[in-house]
Amino acid sequence: MKPILALGLAVLIWLYPGGAIASANSVTEAQLQKIDQQWQNSAHALAQVNCSSCHQDEKTKQFIAQPTLESCQSCHEFAVETFGWGKHGIRIHEGLSPLTPAMAKLPMKKSAQDKFMNCNACHNVHSVNTVQASVDSCLSCHNDSHSLNYENSRHAKIFAKQKDLIRPSTESVTCATCHLPRQERGKTVLVNHNNTYTLLPRDRMVKEVCLNCHGVEYSYNSIFDDDLVEANFDKPPHLELKTFELVRDLEKRRTSQ
């Protein structure tokens, strides 16, 4: 057995309480190798977050076979807090069973009907790959026109050139860019995991997302164009909101006096 795999198995055995060592030994070398490879290339590995960081209770030192939201929250407080405010997490926040795609009103893929909406639903537990979570995880459940049309959009073409990155760049526009907007907290940029935050009122997305790249008129003409939203913004807007013409006319009258 390779040293790193032997170490991984030793950690698992050490973490398990006495009566559960047999379960730890049931982990195969192939499984450990896959887990180790995923972890070695992850943001967790770079931050020195290892097996015990998630699989060991900090106070009791007992092994945690399946870490919960509380484990994630010990590091990602803002992400877990805001997750509980959106449709994905509100049931857990209210002490109910997790949301599943089967409960959704939007069309969802049959293969995902019974998936629990928690951190693991979008983030691979060992690779924590945010590139995967930003689009692929969404499309593993969502089967509505807006979601499916993302792959044909101009935004998707930009993102496709950057999929070899560890995480989406600031130039990328993914599902997460629009529905889980980045917010600055001092010198730190955090991700708002409330997936319904930018849905209503619709123009909230303009302020939180669109204006990071586009002008105000282009953004408003796009976000209120129902056909363009359905097509996932695959072309420039053709809507012309009269509000902007009224503002320009008012400015002309004001400056001509």
Protein backbone atom coordinates (compact mmCIF):
# COMPACT_ATOMS: atom_id res chain seq x y z
CA MET A 1 0.00 0.00 0.00
CA LYS A 2 1.31 3.47 -0.92
CA PRO A 3 2.38 5.65 2.05
CA ILE A 4 -0.26 8.32 1.50
CA LEU A 5 -3.01 5.68 1.28
CA ALA A 6 -1.75 3.89 4.36
CA LEU A 7 -1.75 7.23 6.16
CA GLY A 8 -5.31 7.91 5.01
CA LEU A 9 -6.49 4.52 6.27
CA ALA A 10 -4.63 5.03 9.54
CA VAL A 11 -6.37 8.39 10.01
CA LEU A 12 -9.75 6.80 9.39
CA ILE A 13 -9.05 4.02 11.89
CA TRP A 14 -7.76 6.53 14.45
CA LEU A 15 -10.81 8.74 14.05
CA TYR A 16 -13.35 5.93 14.44
CA PRO A 17 -14.52 5.12 17.98
CA GLY A 18 -13.67 1.60 19.16
CA GLY A 19 -16.73 -0.23 17.87
CA ALA A 20 -16.51 1.19 14.36
CA ILE A 21 -12.98 0.29 13.31
CA ALA A 22 -14.33 -2.47 11.11
CA SER A 23 -16.23 0.12 9.09
CA ALA A 24 -13.05 2.13 8.56
CA ASN A 25 -11.22 -0.98 7.39
CA SER A 26 -13.95 -1.53 4.79
CA VAL A 27 -12.64 1.48 2.84
CA THR A 28 -10.66 0.06 -0.06
CA GLU A 29 -7.30 1.24 -1.30
CA ALA A 30 -8.91 2.29 -4.59
CA GLN A 31 -11.46 4.42 -2.76
CA LEU A 32 -8.78 6.03 -0.63
CA GLN A 33 -6.68 6.74 -3.69
CA LYS A 34 -9.60 8.46 -5.42
CA ILE A 35 -10.45 10.49 -2.31
CA ASP A 36 -6.81 11.44 -1.78
CA GLN A 37 -6.38 12.57 -5.40
CA GLN A 38 -9.53 14.69 -5.21
CA TRP A 39 -8.38 16.26 -1.96
CA GLN A 40 -4.76 16.86 -3.10
CA ASN A 41 -6.01 19.08 -5.95
CA SER A 42 -8.59 20.94 -3.88
CA ALA A 43 -8.78 24.36 -2.26
CA HIS A 44 -9.07 22.54 1.07
CA ALA A 45 -5.64 20.97 0.59
CA LEU A 46 -4.13 24.36 -0.22
CA ALA A 47 -5.67 25.72 2.99
CA GLN A 48 -4.44 22.68 4.98
CA VAL A 49 -8.00 21.51 5.68
CA ASN A 50 -7.61 17.74 6.02
CA CYS A 51 -9.72 14.68 6.87
CA SER A 52 -10.02 15.41 10.59
CA SER A 53 -11.08 19.02 9.89
CA CYS A 54 -14.46 17.71 8.69
CA HIS A 55 -14.66 14.16 10.04
CA GLN A 56 -13.76 14.77 13.69
CA ASP A 57 -15.87 16.56 16.28
CA GLU A 58 -13.73 19.38 17.66
CA LYS A 59 -14.93 18.92 21.24
CA THR A 60 -15.57 15.19 21.65
CA LYS A 61 -12.96 14.03 19.10
CA GLN A 62 -15.50 11.48 17.87
CA PHE A 63 -15.52 10.43 14.22
CA ILE A 64 -18.23 12.03 12.02
CA ALA A 65 -19.06 9.69 9.13
CA GLN A 66 -21.22 12.25 7.31
CA PRO A 67 -20.38 15.86 8.17
CA THR A 68 -23.39 18.15 8.45
CA LEU A 69 -24.02 21.82 7.73
CA GLU A 70 -22.58 22.61 11.15
CA SER A 71 -19.24 21.18 10.04
CA CYS A 72 -19.23 23.36 6.92
CA GLN A 73 -20.39 26.37 8.92
CA SER A 74 -17.34 26.20 11.19
CA CYS A 75 -15.37 27.69 8.28
CA HIS A 76 -18.04 28.92 5.84
CA GLU A 77 -20.36 30.80 8.17
CA PHE A 78 -21.67 33.34 5.64
CA ALA A 79 -22.24 30.69 2.96
CA VAL A 80 -24.23 28.41 5.27
CA GLU A 81 -26.19 31.29 6.79
CA THR A 82 -27.27 32.69 3.42
CA PHE A 83 -27.94 29.18 2.06
CA GLY A 84 -30.66 28.86 4.70
CA TRP A 85 -32.41 32.00 3.42
CA GLY A 86 -32.95 30.70 -0.14
CA LYS A 87 -35.25 28.05 -1.60
CA HIS A 88 -32.49 25.45 -1.55
CA GLY A 89 -31.90 25.69 2.18
CA ILE A 90 -34.99 27.22 3.78
CA ARG A 91 -36.48 23.85 4.79
CA ILE A 92 -33.33 22.91 6.70
CA HIS A 93 -33.24 26.40 8.22
CA GLU A 94 -36.81 25.86 9.49
CA GLY A 95 -36.01 22.43 10.93
CA LEU A 96 -37.72 20.44 8.18
CA SER A 97 -36.37 17.71 5.92
CA PRO A 98 -34.12 18.99 3.11
CA LEU A 99 -35.64 20.18 -0.15
CA THR A 100 -35.55 17.69 -3.02
CA PRO A 101 -36.01 18.41 -6.75
CA ALA A 102 -39.21 16.34 -6.59
CA MET A 103 -40.76 19.19 -4.58
CA ALA A 104 -39.88 21.86 -7.14
CA LYS A 105 -42.34 23.64 -9.42
CA LEU A 106 -39.73 24.07 -12.15
CA PRO A 107 -38.92 21.09 -14.42
CA MET A 108 -36.21 18.93 -12.88
CA LYS A 109 -34.29 15.92 -14.19
CA LYS A 110 -35.81 12.59 -13.20
CA SER A 111 -32.42 11.27 -12.12
CA ALA A 112 -32.18 13.96 -9.44
CA GLN A 113 -35.68 13.80 -7.97
CA ASP A 114 -34.62 12.44 -4.57
CA LYS A 115 -31.38 14.41 -4.11
CA PHE A 116 -31.20 16.33 -0.82
CA MET A 117 -30.41 20.02 -1.22
CA ASN A 118 -27.47 20.58 1.09
CA CYS A 119 -23.82 21.60 0.63
CA ASN A 120 -22.98 18.21 -0.87
CA ALA A 121 -25.68 18.55 -3.53
CA CYS A 122 -23.54 21.12 -5.36
CA HIS A 123 -20.05 20.67 -3.93
CA ASN A 124 -18.19 17.38 -4.29
CA VAL A 125 -17.30 16.54 -0.71
CA HIS A 126 -13.61 15.88 -1.39
CA SER A 127 -12.68 17.94 -4.46
CA VAL A 128 -14.86 20.95 -3.49
CA ASN A 129 -14.56 21.96 -7.14
CA THR A 130 -16.24 25.35 -7.53
CA VAL A 131 -15.94 25.23 -11.33
CA GLN A 132 -18.12 22.11 -11.29
CA ALA A 133 -20.46 23.61 -8.70
CA SER A 134 -20.96 26.83 -10.68
CA VAL A 135 -22.69 25.18 -13.69
CA ASP A 136 -22.56 21.38 -13.85
CA SER A 137 -24.10 20.91 -10.41
CA CYS A 138 -26.99 23.20 -11.34
CA LEU A 139 -27.66 21.37 -14.60
CA SER A 140 -27.59 18.01 -12.84
CA CYS A 141 -31.01 18.97 -11.42
CA HIS A 142 -32.52 21.87 -13.39
CA ASN A 143 -34.30 20.95 -16.61
CA ASP A 144 -36.10 24.22 -17.46
CA SER A 145 -35.50 26.20 -20.65
CA HIS A 146 -33.60 29.06 -18.99
CA SER A 147 -31.13 26.65 -17.38
CA LEU A 148 -30.67 24.41 -20.42
CA ASN A 149 -30.14 27.39 -22.72
CA TYR A 150 -27.13 28.52 -20.71
CA GLU A 151 -24.88 26.18 -22.69
CA ASN A 152 -25.79 28.05 -25.90
CA SER A 153 -25.26 31.51 -24.43
CA ARG A 154 -22.40 33.94 -24.88
CA HIS A 155 -21.71 33.69 -21.17
CA ALA A 156 -21.13 29.94 -21.51
CA LYS A 157 -18.63 30.44 -24.35
CA ILE A 158 -16.52 32.69 -22.11
CA PHE A 159 -16.67 30.21 -19.24
CA ALA A 160 -15.83 27.23 -21.48
CA LYS A 161 -12.38 28.70 -22.12
CA GLN A 162 -11.61 28.76 -18.40
CA LYS A 163 -12.78 25.34 -17.18
CA ASP A 164 -9.22 24.25 -16.43
CA LEU A 165 -8.99 26.84 -13.64
CA ILE A 166 -9.26 25.92 -9.96
CA ARG A 167 -12.22 28.28 -9.58
CA PRO A 168 -14.19 30.55 -11.95
CA SER A 169 -12.36 33.78 -12.72
CA THR A 170 -13.81 37.26 -12.30
CA GLU A 171 -14.46 37.27 -16.07
CA SER A 172 -16.60 34.12 -15.93
CA VAL A 173 -20.38 34.31 -15.97
CA THR A 174 -21.89 31.08 -14.70
CA CYS A 175 -25.19 30.08 -13.11
CA ALA A 176 -23.59 30.86 -9.75
CA THR A 177 -22.35 34.28 -10.89
CA CYS A 178 -25.94 35.46 -11.32
CA HIS A 179 -27.79 33.44 -8.70
CA LEU A 180 -25.14 33.29 -5.96
CA PRO A 181 -23.66 36.79 -6.24
CA ARG A 182 -20.26 37.73 -4.80
CA GLN A 183 -20.35 40.33 -2.05
CA GLU A 184 -17.45 42.22 -0.53
CA ARG A 185 -16.96 42.13 3.23
CA GLY A 186 -13.99 44.37 3.89
CA LYS A 187 -11.09 42.88 1.94
CA THR A 188 -12.82 39.51 1.63
CA VAL A 189 -15.15 38.45 -1.19
CA LEU A 190 -17.87 36.07 0.00
CA VAL A 191 -20.51 34.14 -1.93
CA ASN A 192 -24.15 34.80 -1.07
CA HIS A 193 -25.67 31.28 -1.19
CA ASN A 194 -29.25 32.56 -1.05
CA ASN A 195 -30.17 31.30 -4.52
CA THR A 196 -33.35 33.39 -4.65
CA TYR A 197 -31.77 36.70 -3.62
CA THR A 198 -31.43 38.07 -7.17
CA LEU A 199 -34.70 36.64 -8.52
CA LEU A 200 -37.22 39.10 -7.10
CA PRO A 201 -37.43 41.98 -7.49
CA ARG A 202 -35.89 41.24 -10.87
CA ASP A 203 -33.87 44.43 -11.04
CA ARG A 204 -31.90 43.37 -7.96
CA MET A 205 -29.81 41.24 -10.33
CA VAL A 206 -28.94 44.39 -12.28
CA LYS A 207 -27.38 46.00 -9.22
CA GLU A 208 -25.74 42.87 -7.81
CA VAL A 209 -24.55 41.24 -11.05
CA CYS A 210 -25.21 42.82 -14.45
CA LEU A 211 -23.62 46.20 -13.74
CA ASN A 212 -20.32 44.50 -13.02
CA CYS A 213 -19.93 44.12 -16.80
CA HIS A 214 -22.75 45.95 -18.59
CA GLY A 215 -24.17 49.45 -18.69
CA VAL A 216 -27.36 50.29 -16.82
CA GLU A 217 -29.58 50.66 -19.92
CA TYR A 218 -28.32 47.44 -21.52
CA SER A 219 -28.85 45.62 -18.23
CA TYR A 220 -32.41 46.80 -17.62
CA ASN A 221 -33.43 46.17 -21.22
CA SER A 222 -32.10 42.62 -20.85
CA ILE A 223 -33.45 41.65 -17.44
CA PHE A 224 -37.03 42.71 -18.26
CA ASP A 225 -37.08 40.98 -21.66
CA ASP A 226 -38.90 37.72 -20.86
CA ASP A 227 -37.91 36.03 -24.12
CA LEU A 228 -34.27 36.93 -23.61
CA VAL A 229 -34.31 35.63 -20.04
CA GLU A 230 -35.81 32.35 -21.27
CA ALA A 231 -33.05 32.09 -23.88
CA ASN A 232 -30.46 32.78 -21.16
CA PHE A 233 -29.26 36.04 -22.70
CA ASP A 234 -27.95 34.45 -25.90
CA LYS A 235 -28.06 37.78 -27.79
CA PRO A 236 -28.27 41.54 -27.15
CA PRO A 237 -31.62 42.92 -25.92
CA HIS A 238 -34.22 44.29 -28.33
CA LEU A 239 -36.40 45.74 -25.58
CA GLU A 240 -36.28 49.52 -25.21
CA LEU A 241 -37.65 50.64 -21.86
CA LYS A 242 -39.31 54.03 -22.22
CA THR A 243 -38.02 55.07 -18.81
CA PHE A 244 -34.60 55.85 -20.26
CA GLU A 245 -36.07 57.96 -23.06
CA LEU A 246 -38.08 59.91 -20.48
CA VAL A 247 -34.95 60.54 -18.43
CA ARG A 248 -33.02 61.71 -21.53
CA ASP A 249 -35.86 64.03 -22.55
CA LEU A 250 -36.02 65.46 -19.04
CA GLU A 251 -32.26 66.06 -19.07
CA LYS A 252 -32.48 67.85 -22.43
CA ARG A 253 -35.22 70.13 -21.14
CA ARG A 254 -33.29 70.78 -17.93
CA THR A 255 -30.03 71.69 -19.66
CA SER A 256 -31.67 73.81 -22.38
CA GLN A 257 -33.21 76.24 -19.89
